[in-house]
C-alpha atoms as a PDB file:
ATOM      1  CA  MET A   1      64.827 109.504  84.955  1.00  0.00           C
ATOM      2  CA  ILE A   2      68.446 110.653  85.279  1.00  0.00           C
ATOM      3  CA  THR A   3      69.038 113.284  87.931  1.00  0.00           C
ATOM      4  CA  VAL A   4      71.939 115.670  88.381  1.00  0.00           C
ATOM      5  CA  GLY A   5      72.908 113.749  91.494  1.00  0.00           C
ATOM      6  CA  ASN A   6      73.324 110.585  89.421  1.00  0.00           C
ATOM      7  CA  LEU A   7      75.730 112.383  87.088  1.00  0.00           C
ATOM      8  CA  MET A   8      77.779 114.162  89.744  1.00  0.00           C
ATOM      9  CA  GLN A   9      80.980 112.820  91.170  1.00  0.00           C
ATOM     10  CA  THR A  10      80.902 112.747  94.953  1.00  0.00           C
ATOM     11  CA  GLU A  11      84.567 113.602  95.431  1.00  0.00           C
ATOM     12  CA  PRO A  12      86.355 116.210  93.308  1.00  0.00           C
ATOM     13  CA  VAL A  13      89.512 115.178  91.488  1.00  0.00           C
ATOM     14  CA  THR A  14      92.515 116.851  93.103  1.00  0.00           C
ATOM     15  CA  VAL A  15      96.268 117.141  92.643  1.00  0.00           C
ATOM     16  CA  GLU A  16      98.853 118.419  95.069  1.00  0.00           C
ATOM     17  CA  VAL A  17     100.812 121.589  94.288  1.00  0.00           C
ATOM     18  CA  GLY A  18     103.887 120.572  92.314  1.00  0.00           C
ATOM     19  CA  THR A  19     102.181 117.754  90.393  1.00  0.00           C
ATOM     20  CA  SER A  20     103.196 117.817  86.733  1.00  0.00           C
ATOM     21  CA  VAL A  21     100.769 119.167  84.174  1.00  0.00           C
ATOM     22  CA  VAL A  22     100.931 115.801  82.397  1.00  0.00           C
ATOM     23  CA  GLU A  23      99.818 113.958  85.530  1.00  0.00           C
ATOM     24  CA  ALA A  24      96.959 116.432  86.019  1.00  0.00           C
ATOM     25  CA  ALA A  25      95.892 115.899  82.390  1.00  0.00           C
ATOM     26  CA  LYS A  26      96.028 112.115  82.838  1.00  0.00           C
ATOM     27  CA  LEU A  27      93.717 112.383  85.836  1.00  0.00           C
ATOM     28  CA  MET A  28      91.288 114.548  83.863  1.00  0.00           C
ATOM     29  CA  ARG A  29      91.166 111.885  81.179  1.00  0.00           C
ATOM     30  CA  ALA A  30      90.906 108.969  83.625  1.00  0.00           C
ATOM     31  CA  TYR A  31      88.023 110.553  85.521  1.00  0.00           C
ATOM     32  CA  ASN A  32      86.417 112.107  82.430  1.00  0.00           C
ATOM     33  CA  VAL A  33      86.507 115.613  83.923  1.00  0.00           C
ATOM     34  CA  GLU A  34      87.566 118.944  82.435  1.00  0.00           C
ATOM     35  CA  SER A  35      89.350 120.279  85.507  1.00  0.00           C
ATOM     36  CA  VAL A  36      91.168 119.274  88.678  1.00  0.00           C
ATOM     37  CA  LEU A  37      91.458 121.184  91.919  1.00  0.00           C
ATOM     38  CA  VAL A  38      94.963 121.998  93.136  1.00  0.00           C
ATOM     39  CA  THR A  39      95.552 121.493  96.851  1.00  0.00           C
ATOM     40  CA  SER A  40      98.231 122.306  99.384  1.00  0.00           C
ATOM     41  CA  GLN A  41      98.038 120.766 102.845  1.00  0.00           C
ATOM     42  CA  ALA A  42      94.427 119.672 102.178  1.00  0.00           C
ATOM     43  CA  GLN A  43      93.370 123.226 101.240  1.00  0.00           C
ATOM     44  CA  ILE A  44      92.186 124.139  97.745  1.00  0.00           C
ATOM     45  CA  VAL A  45      94.584 126.698  96.295  1.00  0.00           C
ATOM     46  CA  GLY A  46      93.682 126.618  92.608  1.00  0.00           C
ATOM     47  CA  ILE A  47      92.225 124.844  89.623  1.00  0.00           C
ATOM     48  CA  VAL A  48      93.678 123.539  86.364  1.00  0.00           C
ATOM     49  CA  THR A  49      91.394 123.108  83.366  1.00  0.00           C
ATOM     50  CA  GLU A  50      91.794 121.392  80.006  1.00  0.00           C
ATOM     51  CA  SER A  51      91.731 124.855  78.473  1.00  0.00           C
ATOM     52  CA  ASP A  52      94.650 125.938  80.694  1.00  0.00           C
ATOM     53  CA  VAL A  53      96.691 122.964  79.515  1.00  0.00           C
ATOM     54  CA  VAL A  54      95.938 123.578  75.849  1.00  0.00           C
ATOM     55  CA  LYS A  55      96.593 127.323  75.982  1.00  0.00           C
ATOM     56  CA  LYS A  56      99.846 126.939  77.897  1.00  0.00           C
ATOM     57  CA  PHE A  57     101.456 123.981  76.179  1.00  0.00           C
ATOM     58  CA  VAL A  58     100.103 123.229  72.721  1.00  0.00           C
ATOM     59  CA  GLY A  59     102.673 124.615  70.333  1.00  0.00           C
ATOM     60  CA  ALA A  60     104.877 125.854  73.177  1.00  0.00           C
ATOM     61  CA  GLU A  61     108.536 125.033  73.553  1.00  0.00           C
ATOM     62  CA  ARG A  62     107.975 123.601  77.037  1.00  0.00           C
ATOM     63  CA  THR A  63     107.927 120.035  78.288  1.00  0.00           C
ATOM     64  CA  PRO A  64     104.803 119.596  80.417  1.00  0.00           C
ATOM     65  CA  TYR A  65     106.311 116.650  82.333  1.00  0.00           C
ATOM     66  CA  PHE A  66     108.570 119.125  84.105  1.00  0.00           C
ATOM     67  CA  VAL A  67     106.084 121.967  84.599  1.00  0.00           C
ATOM     68  CA  PRO A  68     104.225 121.873  87.938  1.00  0.00           C
ATOM     69  CA  VAL A  69     100.612 122.885  88.411  1.00  0.00           C
END
């Protein structure tokens, strides 16, 4: 039987404040997660989700490589 514990990741995926949105999205894909926690000096200060990325940048006139989380 598969338990929730078997499916959970032990460590959350994190990015430091100032990481580009593209790098955050790459991590989401690499770790097969829908969000990453944003940290500053080892403290969680926010979260970025796939939905945030899509809403902010799909069809926008912005280059996500230069936009920090």
